[in-house]
Structures are given as structure tokens and as C-alpha cells.
PDB file of all heavy atoms in Angstrom:
ATOM      1  N   ARG A   1      35.297   8.151 -31.992  1.00  0.00           N
ATOM      2  CA  ARG A   1      34.506   9.086 -31.185  1.00  0.00           C
ATOM      3  C   ARG A   1      33.085   8.562 -31.057  1.00  0.00           C
ATOM      4  O   ARG A   1      32.385   8.375 -32.045  1.00  0.00           O
ATOM      5  CB  ARG A   1      34.472  10.471 -31.850  1.00  0.00           C
ATOM      6  CG  ARG A   1      35.782  11.223 -31.832  1.00  0.00           C
ATOM      7  CD  ARG A   1      35.593  12.648 -32.336  1.00  0.00           C
ATOM      8  NE  ARG A   1      36.831  13.399 -32.283  1.00  0.00           N
ATOM      9  CZ  ARG A   1      37.706  13.466 -33.277  1.00  0.00           C
ATOM     10  NH1 ARG A   1      37.455  12.820 -34.401  1.00  0.00           N
ATOM     11  NH2 ARG A   1      38.816  14.172 -33.160  1.00  0.00           N
ATOM     12  N   THR A   2      32.645   8.347 -29.836  1.00  0.00           N
ATOM     13  CA  THR A   2      31.286   7.864 -29.611  1.00  0.00           C
ATOM     14  C   THR A   2      30.303   9.025 -29.657  1.00  0.00           C
ATOM     15  O   THR A   2      30.690  10.199 -29.546  1.00  0.00           O
ATOM     16  CB  THR A   2      31.172   7.152 -28.257  1.00  0.00           C
ATOM     17  OG1 THR A   2      31.399   8.109 -27.213  1.00  0.00           O
ATOM     18  CG2 THR A   2      32.189   6.027 -28.140  1.00  0.00           C
ATOM     19  N   TYR A   3      29.029   8.699 -29.813  1.00  0.00           N
ATOM     20  CA  TYR A   3      28.006   9.743 -29.885  1.00  0.00           C
ATOM     21  C   TYR A   3      27.865  10.506 -28.575  1.00  0.00           C
ATOM     22  O   TYR A   3      27.409  11.652 -28.552  1.00  0.00           O
ATOM     23  CB  TYR A   3      26.664   9.132 -30.275  1.00  0.00           C
ATOM     24  CG  TYR A   3      26.628   8.636 -31.697  1.00  0.00           C
ATOM     25  CD1 TYR A   3      26.567   7.280 -31.970  1.00  0.00           C
ATOM     26  CD2 TYR A   3      26.679   9.525 -32.775  1.00  0.00           C
ATOM     27  CE1 TYR A   3      26.552   6.808 -33.285  1.00  0.00           C
ATOM     28  CE2 TYR A   3      26.668   9.071 -34.079  1.00  0.00           C
ATOM     29  CZ  TYR A   3      26.602   7.722 -34.330  1.00  0.00           C
ATOM     30  OH  TYR A   3      26.590   7.266 -35.625  1.00  0.00           O
ATOM     31  N   SER A   4      28.272   9.895 -27.478  1.00  0.00           N
ATOM     32  CA  SER A   4      28.161  10.553 -26.171  1.00  0.00           C
ATOM     33  C   SER A   4      29.359  11.465 -25.879  1.00  0.00           C
ATOM     34  O   SER A   4      29.417  12.079 -24.830  1.00  0.00           O
ATOM     35  CB  SER A   4      28.054   9.503 -25.068  1.00  0.00           C
ATOM     36  OG  SER A   4      29.210   8.675 -25.050  1.00  0.00           O
ATOM     37  N   GLY A   5      30.303  11.520 -26.824  1.00  0.00           N
ATOM     38  CA  GLY A   5      31.464  12.376 -26.634  1.00  0.00           C
ATOM     39  C   GLY A   5      32.681  11.666 -26.081  1.00  0.00           C
ATOM     40  O   GLY A   5      33.738  12.283 -25.909  1.00  0.00           O
ATOM     41  N   GLY A   6      32.548  10.376 -25.827  1.00  0.00           N
ATOM     42  CA  GLY A   6      33.684   9.608 -25.327  1.00  0.00           C
ATOM     43  C   GLY A   6      34.513   9.050 -26.470  1.00  0.00           C
ATOM     44  O   GLY A   6      34.395   9.468 -27.626  1.00  0.00           O
ATOM     45  N   LYS A   7      35.361   8.087 -26.139  1.00  0.00           N
ATOM     46  CA  LYS A   7      36.183   7.470 -27.168  1.00  0.00           C
ATOM     47  C   LYS A   7      36.352   5.987 -26.860  1.00  0.00           C
ATOM     48  O   LYS A   7      36.336   5.565 -25.704  1.00  0.00           O
ATOM     49  CB  LYS A   7      37.554   8.151 -27.262  1.00  0.00           C
ATOM     50  CG  LYS A   7      38.420   8.008 -26.016  1.00  0.00           C
ATOM     51  CD  LYS A   7      39.757   8.737 -26.192  1.00  0.00           C
ATOM     52  CE  LYS A   7      40.654   8.540 -24.959  1.00  0.00           C
ATOM     53  NZ  LYS A   7      41.934   9.267 -25.087  1.00  0.00           N
ATOM     54  N   LYS A   8      36.490   5.195 -27.929  1.00  0.00           N
ATOM     55  CA  LYS A   8      36.744   3.766 -27.802  1.00  0.00           C
ATOM     56  C   LYS A   8      37.923   3.404 -28.687  1.00  0.00           C
ATOM     57  O   LYS A   8      38.027   3.869 -29.829  1.00  0.00           O
ATOM     58  CB  LYS A   8      35.511   2.955 -28.232  1.00  0.00           C
ATOM     59  CG  LYS A   8      34.380   2.944 -27.233  1.00  0.00           C
ATOM     60  CD  LYS A   8      33.287   1.963 -27.662  1.00  0.00           C
ATOM     61  CE  LYS A   8      32.167   1.893 -26.625  1.00  0.00           C
ATOM     62  NZ  LYS A   8      31.110   0.935 -27.031  1.00  0.00           N
ATOM     63  N   ARG A   9      38.784   2.555 -28.142  1.00  0.00           N
ATOM     64  CA  ARG A   9      39.945   2.139 -28.923  1.00  0.00           C
ATOM     65  C   ARG A   9      39.498   1.210 -30.054  1.00  0.00           C
ATOM     66  O   ARG A   9      38.646   0.348 -29.867  1.00  0.00           O
ATOM     67  CB  ARG A   9      40.959   1.416 -28.034  1.00  0.00           C
ATOM     68  CG  ARG A   9      42.189   0.974 -28.810  1.00  0.00           C
ATOM     69  CD  ARG A   9      43.219   0.303 -27.949  1.00  0.00           C
ATOM     70  NE  ARG A   9      44.272  -0.257 -28.793  1.00  0.00           N
ATOM     71  CZ  ARG A   9      45.322  -0.904 -28.330  1.00  0.00           C
ATOM     72  NH1 ARG A   9      45.472  -1.100 -27.015  1.00  0.00           N
ATOM     73  NH2 ARG A   9      46.236  -1.378 -29.164  1.00  0.00           N
ATOM     74  N   VAL A  10      40.103   1.391 -31.219  1.00  0.00           N
ATOM     75  CA  VAL A  10      39.845   0.540 -32.381  1.00  0.00           C
ATOM     76  C   VAL A  10      41.066  -0.354 -32.586  1.00  0.00           C
ATOM     77  O   VAL A  10      42.181   0.137 -32.801  1.00  0.00           O
ATOM     78  CB  VAL A  10      39.584   1.385 -33.646  1.00  0.00           C
ATOM     79  CG1 VAL A  10      39.392   0.478 -34.861  1.00  0.00           C
ATOM     80  CG2 VAL A  10      38.360   2.273 -33.450  1.00  0.00           C
ATOM     81  N   GLY A  11      40.844  -1.671 -32.520  1.00  0.00           N
ATOM     82  CA  GLY A  11      41.948  -2.606 -32.699  1.00  0.00           C
ATOM     83  C   GLY A  11      42.046  -3.145 -34.113  1.00  0.00           C
ATOM     84  O   GLY A  11      43.089  -3.641 -34.537  1.00  0.00           O
ATOM     85  N   ILE A  12      40.919  -3.063 -34.848  1.00  0.00           N
ATOM     86  CA  ILE A  12      40.882  -3.523 -36.237  1.00  0.00           C
ATOM     87  C   ILE A  12      40.125  -2.495 -37.067  1.00  0.00           C
ATOM     88  O   ILE A  12      39.023  -2.091 -36.697  1.00  0.00           O
ATOM     89  CB  ILE A  12      40.131  -4.854 -36.390  1.00  0.00           C
ATOM     90  CG1 ILE A  12      40.550  -5.868 -35.337  1.00  0.00           C
ATOM     91  CG2 ILE A  12      40.318  -5.437 -37.781  1.00  0.00           C
ATOM     92  CD1 ILE A  12      39.626  -7.067 -35.277  1.00  0.00           C
ATOM     93  N   LEU A  13      40.717  -2.098 -38.178  1.00  0.00           N
ATOM     94  CA  LEU A  13      40.029  -1.193 -39.090  1.00  0.00           C
ATOM     95  C   LEU A  13      39.966  -1.851 -40.463  1.00  0.00           C
ATOM     96  O   LEU A  13      40.979  -2.027 -41.146  1.00  0.00           O
ATOM     97  CB  LEU A  13      40.740   0.153 -39.193  1.00  0.00           C
ATOM     98  CG  LEU A  13      39.962   1.217 -39.982  1.00  0.00           C
ATOM     99  CD1 LEU A  13      38.677   1.599 -39.253  1.00  0.00           C
ATOM    100  CD2 LEU A  13      40.816   2.455 -40.214  1.00  0.00           C
ATOM    101  N   TYR A  14      38.747  -2.254 -40.833  1.00  0.00           N
ATOM    102  CA  TYR A  14      38.497  -2.817 -42.163  1.00  0.00           C
ATOM    103  C   TYR A  14      38.174  -1.629 -43.047  1.00  0.00           C
ATOM    104  O   TYR A  14      37.135  -0.995 -42.894  1.00  0.00           O
ATOM    105  CB  TYR A  14      37.331  -3.800 -42.056  1.00  0.00           C
ATOM    106  CG  TYR A  14      36.918  -4.527 -43.303  1.00  0.00           C
ATOM    107  CD1 TYR A  14      37.561  -4.368 -44.516  1.00  0.00           C
ATOM    108  CD2 TYR A  14      35.836  -5.405 -43.272  1.00  0.00           C
ATOM    109  CE1 TYR A  14      37.170  -5.050 -45.646  1.00  0.00           C
ATOM    110  CE2 TYR A  14      35.419  -6.111 -44.397  1.00  0.00           C
ATOM    111  CZ  TYR A  14      36.094  -5.918 -45.580  1.00  0.00           C
ATOM    112  OH  TYR A  14      35.695  -6.596 -46.698  1.00  0.00           O
ATOM    113  N   ARG A  15      39.074  -1.330 -43.953  1.00  0.00           N
ATOM    114  CA  ARG A  15      38.932  -0.062 -44.689  1.00  0.00           C
ATOM    115  C   ARG A  15      38.663  -0.303 -46.168  1.00  0.00           C
ATOM    116  O   ARG A  15      39.138  -1.275 -46.764  1.00  0.00           O
ATOM    117  CB  ARG A  15      40.191   0.783 -44.509  1.00  0.00           C
ATOM    118  CG  ARG A  15      41.540   0.066 -44.735  1.00  0.00           C
ATOM    119  CD  ARG A  15      41.993   0.072 -46.160  1.00  0.00           C
ATOM    120  NE  ARG A  15      43.217  -0.664 -46.393  1.00  0.00           N
ATOM    121  CZ  ARG A  15      44.132  -0.290 -47.252  1.00  0.00           C
ATOM    122  NH1 ARG A  15      43.994   0.796 -47.955  1.00  0.00           N
ATOM    123  NH2 ARG A  15      45.211  -1.047 -47.459  1.00  0.00           N
ATOM    124  N   HIS A  16      37.888   0.587 -46.758  1.00  0.00           N
ATOM    125  CA  HIS A  16      37.626   0.569 -48.193  1.00  0.00           C
ATOM    126  C   HIS A  16      38.088   1.884 -48.805  1.00  0.00           C
ATOM    127  O   HIS A  16      37.382   2.503 -49.584  1.00  0.00           O
ATOM    128  CB  HIS A  16      36.139   0.323 -48.464  1.00  0.00           C
ATOM    129  CG  HIS A  16      35.746  -1.115 -48.375  1.00  0.00           C
ATOM    130  ND1 HIS A  16      35.625  -1.937 -49.468  1.00  0.00           N
ATOM    131  CD2 HIS A  16      35.499  -1.902 -47.314  1.00  0.00           C
ATOM    132  CE1 HIS A  16      35.296  -3.158 -49.090  1.00  0.00           C
ATOM    133  NE2 HIS A  16      35.207  -3.163 -47.773  1.00  0.00           N
ATOM    134  N   ILE A  17      39.287   2.268 -48.421  1.00  0.00           N
ATOM    135  CA  ILE A  17      39.914   3.482 -48.942  1.00  0.00           C
ATOM    136  C   ILE A  17      41.279   3.100 -49.489  1.00  0.00           C
ATOM    137  O   ILE A  17      42.036   2.379 -48.837  1.00  0.00           O
ATOM    138  CB  ILE A  17      40.058   4.552 -47.836  1.00  0.00           C
ATOM    139  CG1 ILE A  17      38.661   5.050 -47.413  1.00  0.00           C
ATOM    140  CG2 ILE A  17      40.915   5.706 -48.291  1.00  0.00           C
ATOM    141  CD1 ILE A  17      38.686   6.039 -46.279  1.00  0.00           C
ATOM    142  N   SER A  18      41.601   3.559 -50.665  1.00  0.00           N
ATOM    143  CA  SER A  18      42.874   3.220 -51.293  1.00  0.00           C
ATOM    144  C   SER A  18      44.048   3.695 -50.447  1.00  0.00           C
ATOM    145  O   SER A  18      43.956   4.699 -49.732  1.00  0.00           O
ATOM    146  CB  SER A  18      42.961   3.836 -52.689  1.00  0.00           C
ATOM    147  OG  SER A  18      41.954   3.318 -53.527  1.00  0.00           O
ATOM    148  N   ASP A  19      45.163   2.974 -50.559  1.00  0.00           N
ATOM    149  CA  ASP A  19      46.347   3.261 -49.746  1.00  0.00           C
ATOM    150  C   ASP A  19      46.723   4.731 -49.743  1.00  0.00           C
ATOM    151  O   ASP A  19      46.991   5.323 -48.690  1.00  0.00           O
ATOM    152  CB  ASP A  19      47.550   2.456 -50.279  1.00  0.00           C
ATOM    153  CG  ASP A  19      47.429   0.976 -50.013  1.00  0.00           C
ATOM    154  OD1 ASP A  19      46.490   0.573 -49.296  1.00  0.00           O
ATOM    155  OD2 ASP A  19      48.275   0.216 -50.514  1.00  0.00           O
ATOM    156  N   GLU A  20      46.769   5.328 -50.927  1.00  0.00           N
ATOM    157  CA  GLU A  20      47.303   6.689 -51.041  1.00  0.00           C
ATOM    158  C   GLU A  20      46.452   7.737 -50.326  1.00  0.00           C
ATOM    159  O   GLU A  20      46.909   8.855 -50.089  1.00  0.00           O
ATOM    160  CB  GLU A  20      47.486   7.077 -52.515  1.00  0.00           C
ATOM    161  CG  GLU A  20      46.220   7.079 -53.349  1.00  0.00           C
ATOM    162  CD  GLU A  20      45.946   5.755 -54.041  1.00  0.00           C
ATOM    163  OE1 GLU A  20      46.318   4.695 -53.496  1.00  0.00           O
ATOM    164  OE2 GLU A  20      45.345   5.796 -55.134  1.00  0.00           O
ATOM    165  N   TYR A  21      45.212   7.380 -49.966  1.00  0.00           N
ATOM    166  CA  TYR A  21      44.334   8.325 -49.275  1.00  0.00           C
ATOM    167  C   TYR A  21      44.140   8.008 -47.789  1.00  0.00           C
ATOM    168  O   TYR A  21      43.408   8.700 -47.102  1.00  0.00           O
ATOM    169  CB  TYR A  21      42.961   8.371 -49.957  1.00  0.00           C
ATOM    170  CG  TYR A  21      43.036   8.775 -51.409  1.00  0.00           C
ATOM    171  CD1 TYR A  21      42.720   7.871 -52.419  1.00  0.00           C
ATOM    172  CD2 TYR A  21      43.445  10.054 -51.779  1.00  0.00           C
ATOM    173  CE1 TYR A  21      42.815   8.231 -53.756  1.00  0.00           C
ATOM    174  CE2 TYR A  21      43.538  10.424 -53.108  1.00  0.00           C
ATOM    175  CZ  TYR A  21      43.220   9.509 -54.089  1.00  0.00           C
ATOM    176  OH  TYR A  21      43.323   9.865 -55.413  1.00  0.00           O
ATOM    177  N   MET A  22      44.808   6.947 -47.307  1.00  0.00           N
ATOM    178  CA  MET A  22      44.574   6.499 -45.937  1.00  0.00           C
ATOM    179  C   MET A  22      45.109   7.439 -44.873  1.00  0.00           C
ATOM    180  O   MET A  22      44.521   7.595 -43.809  1.00  0.00           O
ATOM    181  CB  MET A  22      45.205   5.110 -45.728  1.00  0.00           C
ATOM    182  CG  MET A  22      44.298   3.957 -46.076  1.00  0.00           C
ATOM    183  SD  MET A  22      42.768   3.920 -45.119  1.00  0.00           S
ATOM    184  CE  MET A  22      43.398   3.714 -43.462  1.00  0.00           C
ATOM    185  N   ASP A  23      46.256   8.076 -45.138  1.00  0.00           N
ATOM    186  CA  ASP A  23      46.906   8.914 -44.123  1.00  0.00           C
ATOM    187  C   ASP A  23      47.540  10.116 -44.813  1.00  0.00           C
ATOM    188  O   ASP A  23      48.567   9.986 -45.486  1.00  0.00           O
ATOM    189  CB  ASP A  23      47.969   8.102 -43.383  1.00  0.00           C
ATOM    190  CG  ASP A  23      48.597   8.870 -42.224  1.00  0.00           C
ATOM    191  OD1 ASP A  23      48.513  10.106 -42.190  1.00  0.00           O
ATOM    192  OD2 ASP A  23      49.201   8.210 -41.348  1.00  0.00           O
ATOM    193  N   PRO A  24      46.942  11.310 -44.671  1.00  0.00           N
ATOM    194  CA  PRO A  24      47.479  12.484 -45.370  1.00  0.00           C
ATOM    195  C   PRO A  24      48.871  12.889 -44.889  1.00  0.00           C
ATOM    196  O   PRO A  24      49.561  13.653 -45.575  1.00  0.00           O
ATOM    197  CB  PRO A  24      46.438  13.578 -45.064  1.00  0.00           C
ATOM    198  CG  PRO A  24      45.744  13.119 -43.826  1.00  0.00           C
ATOM    199  CD  PRO A  24      45.735  11.625 -43.887  1.00  0.00           C
ATOM    200  N   LEU A  25      49.298  12.385 -43.747  1.00  0.00           N
ATOM    201  CA  LEU A  25      50.641  12.709 -43.251  1.00  0.00           C
ATOM    202  C   LEU A  25      51.692  11.733 -43.774  1.00  0.00           C
ATOM    203  O   LEU A  25      52.890  12.014 -43.697  1.00  0.00           O
ATOM    204  CB  LEU A  25      50.651  12.711 -41.720  1.00  0.00           C
ATOM    205  CG  LEU A  25      49.726  13.725 -41.051  1.00  0.00           C
ATOM    206  CD1 LEU A  25      49.850  13.659 -39.535  1.00  0.00           C
ATOM    207  CD2 LEU A  25      50.033  15.149 -41.536  1.00  0.00           C
ATOM    208  N   ALA A  26      51.233  10.604 -44.321  1.00  0.00           N
ATOM    209  CA  ALA A  26      52.170   9.607 -44.848  1.00  0.00           C
ATOM    210  C   ALA A  26      52.117   9.507 -46.368  1.00  0.00           C
ATOM    211  O   ALA A  26      53.143   9.244 -47.003  1.00  0.00           O
ATOM    212  CB  ALA A  26      51.878   8.234 -44.242  1.00  0.00           C
ATOM    213  N   PHE A  27      50.940   9.725 -46.936  1.00  0.00           N
ATOM    214  CA  PHE A  27      50.785   9.528 -48.379  1.00  0.00           C
ATOM    215  C   PHE A  27      50.325  10.826 -49.051  1.00  0.00           C
ATOM    216  O   PHE A  27      51.044  11.811 -49.022  1.00  0.00           O
ATOM    217  CB  PHE A  27      49.802   8.381 -48.645  1.00  0.00           C
ATOM    218  CG  PHE A  27      50.189   7.089 -47.983  1.00  0.00           C
ATOM    219  CD1 PHE A  27      49.358   6.482 -47.035  1.00  0.00           C
ATOM    220  CD2 PHE A  27      51.382   6.456 -48.302  1.00  0.00           C
ATOM    221  CE1 PHE A  27      49.708   5.293 -46.431  1.00  0.00           C
ATOM    222  CE2 PHE A  27      51.750   5.267 -47.699  1.00  0.00           C
ATOM    223  CZ  PHE A  27      50.921   4.681 -46.764  1.00  0.00           C
ATOM    224  N   GLU A  28      49.145  10.822 -49.626  1.00  0.00           N
ATOM    225  CA  GLU A  28      48.629  11.985 -50.352  1.00  0.00           C
ATOM    226  C   GLU A  28      48.165  13.054 -49.366  1.00  0.00           C
ATOM    227  O   GLU A  28      47.171  12.886 -48.667  1.00  0.00           O
ATOM    228  CB  GLU A  28      47.473  11.550 -51.266  1.00  0.00           C
ATOM    229  CG  GLU A  28      46.794  12.663 -52.035  1.00  0.00           C
ATOM    230  CD  GLU A  28      47.759  13.498 -52.845  1.00  0.00           C
ATOM    231  OE1 GLU A  28      48.442  12.926 -53.708  1.00  0.00           O
ATOM    232  OE2 GLU A  28      47.833  14.725 -52.595  1.00  0.00           O
ATOM    233  N   SER A  29      48.892  14.165 -49.334  1.00  0.00           N
ATOM    234  CA  SER A  29      48.621  15.193 -48.316  1.00  0.00           C
ATOM    235  C   SER A  29      47.276  15.887 -48.504  1.00  0.00           C
ATOM    236  O   SER A  29      46.738  16.466 -47.560  1.00  0.00           O
ATOM    237  CB  SER A  29      49.742  16.240 -48.325  1.00  0.00           C
ATOM    238  OG  SER A  29      49.827  16.878 -49.596  1.00  0.00           O
ATOM    239  N   SER A  30      46.714  15.816 -49.716  1.00  0.00           N
ATOM    240  CA  SER A  30      45.443  16.503 -49.977  1.00  0.00           C
ATOM    241  C   SER A  30      44.229  15.643 -49.604  1.00  0.00           C
ATOM    242  O   SER A  30      43.094  16.092 -49.738  1.00  0.00           O
ATOM    243  CB  SER A  30      45.346  16.894 -51.452  1.00  0.00           C
ATOM    244  OG  SER A  30      45.319  15.735 -52.278  1.00  0.00           O
ATOM    245  N   SER A  31      44.465  14.421 -49.141  1.00  0.00           N
ATOM    246  CA  SER A  31      43.356  13.516 -48.844  1.00  0.00           C
ATOM    247  C   SER A  31      42.470  14.066 -47.734  1.00  0.00           C
ATOM    248  O   SER A  31      42.941  14.463 -46.669  1.00  0.00           O
ATOM    249  CB  SER A  31      43.885  12.140 -48.427  1.00  0.00           C
ATOM    250  OG  SER A  31      42.822  11.311 -47.990  1.00  0.00           O
ATOM    251  N   LEU A  32      41.156  14.038 -47.985  1.00  0.00           N
ATOM    252  CA  LEU A  32      40.170  14.478 -46.988  1.00  0.00           C
ATOM    253  C   LEU A  32      39.383  13.301 -46.424  1.00  0.00           C
ATOM    254  O   LEU A  32      38.447  13.497 -45.647  1.00  0.00           O
ATOM    255  CB  LEU A  32      39.206  15.484 -47.622  1.00  0.00           C
ATOM    256  CG  LEU A  32      39.830  16.767 -48.179  1.00  0.00           C
ATOM    257  CD1 LEU A  32      38.767  17.632 -48.839  1.00  0.00           C
ATOM    258  CD2 LEU A  32      40.538  17.543 -47.081  1.00  0.00           C
ATOM    259  N   ILE A  33      39.751  12.081 -46.817  1.00  0.00           N
ATOM    260  CA  ILE A  33      38.992  10.910 -46.368  1.00  0.00           C
ATOM    261  C   ILE A  33      39.837   9.960 -45.519  1.00  0.00           C
ATOM    262  O   ILE A  33      39.357   8.919 -45.081  1.00  0.00           O
ATOM    263  CB  ILE A  33      38.400  10.126 -47.562  1.00  0.00           C
ATOM    264  CG1 ILE A  33      39.499   9.705 -48.552  1.00  0.00           C
ATOM    265  CG2 ILE A  33      37.329  10.948 -48.264  1.00  0.00           C
ATOM    266  CD1 ILE A  33      38.993   8.841 -49.704  1.00  0.00           C
ATOM    267  N   GLY A  34      41.089  10.317 -45.274  1.00  0.00           N
ATOM    268  CA  GLY A  34      41.967   9.474 -44.482  1.00  0.00           C
ATOM    269  C   GLY A  34      42.002   9.873 -43.017  1.00  0.00           C
ATOM    270  O   GLY A  34      41.265  10.758 -42.567  1.00  0.00           O
ATOM    271  N   VAL A  35      42.892   9.222 -42.266  1.00  0.00           N
ATOM    272  CA  VAL A  35      43.028   9.471 -40.836  1.00  0.00           C
ATOM    273  C   VAL A  35      44.492   9.831 -40.555  1.00  0.00           C
ATOM    274  O   VAL A  35      45.370   8.976 -40.705  1.00  0.00           O
ATOM    275  CB  VAL A  35      42.639   8.219 -40.009  1.00  0.00           C
ATOM    276  CG1 VAL A  35      42.760   8.504 -38.518  1.00  0.00           C
ATOM    277  CG2 VAL A  35      41.234   7.751 -40.369  1.00  0.00           C
ATOM    278  N   PRO A  36      44.763  11.067 -40.162  1.00  0.00           N
ATOM    279  CA  PRO A  36      46.148  11.470 -39.903  1.00  0.00           C
ATOM    280  C   PRO A  36      46.809  10.585 -38.842  1.00  0.00           C
ATOM    281  O   PRO A  36      46.206  10.261 -37.814  1.00  0.00           O
ATOM    282  CB  PRO A  36      46.002  12.919 -39.411  1.00  0.00           C
ATOM    283  CG  PRO A  36      44.718  13.393 -39.994  1.00  0.00           C
ATOM    284  CD  PRO A  36      43.821  12.191 -40.007  1.00  0.00           C
ATOM    285  N   ASN A  37      48.039  10.160 -39.138  1.00  0.00           N
ATOM    286  CA  ASN A  37      48.881   9.372 -38.223  1.00  0.00           C
ATOM    287  C   ASN A  37      48.437   7.926 -38.057  1.00  0.00           C
ATOM    288  O   ASN A  37      48.982   7.215 -37.199  1.00  0.00           O
ATOM    289  CB  ASN A  37      48.988  10.036 -36.843  1.00  0.00           C
ATOM    290  CG  ASN A  37      50.000  11.170 -36.843  1.00  0.00           C
ATOM    291  OD1 ASN A  37      51.044  11.074 -37.483  1.00  0.00           O
ATOM    292  ND2 ASN A  37      49.669  12.236 -36.141  1.00  0.00           N
ATOM    293  N   ILE A  38      47.506   7.449 -38.876  1.00  0.00           N
ATOM    294  CA  ILE A  38      47.085   6.057 -38.717  1.00  0.00           C
ATOM    295  C   ILE A  38      48.223   5.102 -39.064  1.00  0.00           C
ATOM    296  O   ILE A  38      48.318   3.995 -38.504  1.00  0.00           O
ATOM    297  CB  ILE A  38      45.817   5.747 -39.556  1.00  0.00           C
ATOM    298  CG1 ILE A  38      45.206   4.421 -39.084  1.00  0.00           C
ATOM    299  CG2 ILE A  38      46.115   5.701 -41.047  1.00  0.00           C
ATOM    300  CD1 ILE A  38      43.836   4.125 -39.645  1.00  0.00           C
ATOM    301  N   MET A  39      49.121   5.520 -39.950  1.00  0.00           N
ATOM    302  CA  MET A  39      50.252   4.651 -40.286  1.00  0.00           C
ATOM    303  C   MET A  39      51.207   4.497 -39.103  1.00  0.00           C
ATOM    304  O   MET A  39      51.837   3.447 -38.941  1.00  0.00           O
ATOM    305  CB  MET A  39      50.988   5.187 -41.508  1.00  0.00           C
ATOM    306  CG  MET A  39      50.234   5.006 -42.820  1.00  0.00           C
ATOM    307  SD  MET A  39      49.821   3.274 -43.169  1.00  0.00           S
ATOM    308  CE  MET A  39      51.452   2.577 -43.367  1.00  0.00           C
ATOM    309  N   GLU A  40      51.304   5.526 -38.267  1.00  0.00           N
ATOM    310  CA  GLU A  40      52.151   5.412 -37.069  1.00  0.00           C
ATOM    311  C   GLU A  40      51.523   4.450 -36.062  1.00  0.00           C
ATOM    312  O   GLU A  40      52.217   3.691 -35.390  1.00  0.00           O
ATOM    313  CB  GLU A  40      52.369   6.790 -36.440  1.00  0.00           C
ATOM    314  CG  GLU A  40      53.270   7.699 -37.255  1.00  0.00           C
ATOM    315  CD  GLU A  40      54.610   7.051 -37.575  1.00  0.00           C
ATOM    316  OE1 GLU A  40      55.280   6.577 -36.627  1.00  0.00           O
ATOM    317  OE2 GLU A  40      54.972   6.987 -38.762  1.00  0.00           O
ATOM    318  N   ALA A  41      50.190   4.482 -35.965  1.00  0.00           N
ATOM    319  CA  ALA A  41      49.504   3.525 -35.086  1.00  0.00           C
ATOM    320  C   ALA A  41      49.698   2.100 -35.597  1.00  0.00           C
ATOM    321  O   ALA A  41      49.882   1.162 -34.811  1.00  0.00           O
ATOM    322  CB  ALA A  41      48.013   3.860 -35.014  1.00  0.00           C
TER     323      ALA A  41
END
């Protein structure tokens, strides 16, 4: 989400979040720092 309210596609995500917190729909459901459905992407 851009600051102007638009959106830009992300082709690479360099992440510093442990696997179990990356996607609450795939791993730890209580995670508040992951991105839902990122594993499907």
C-alpha cells in the first residue's frame, strides 16, 4: 500500500520474521506480524 492510497506489486520480500509467524492462515493463527495468504502467493 503506497502512501497515496494506491498499490504496487511486490515481487521480492526479504523478511526478518520467523516462518511460523509469516502467514496466520498457514501457520500460527495468532500471529499479528504476518501477511495473510502470502504462502498462497
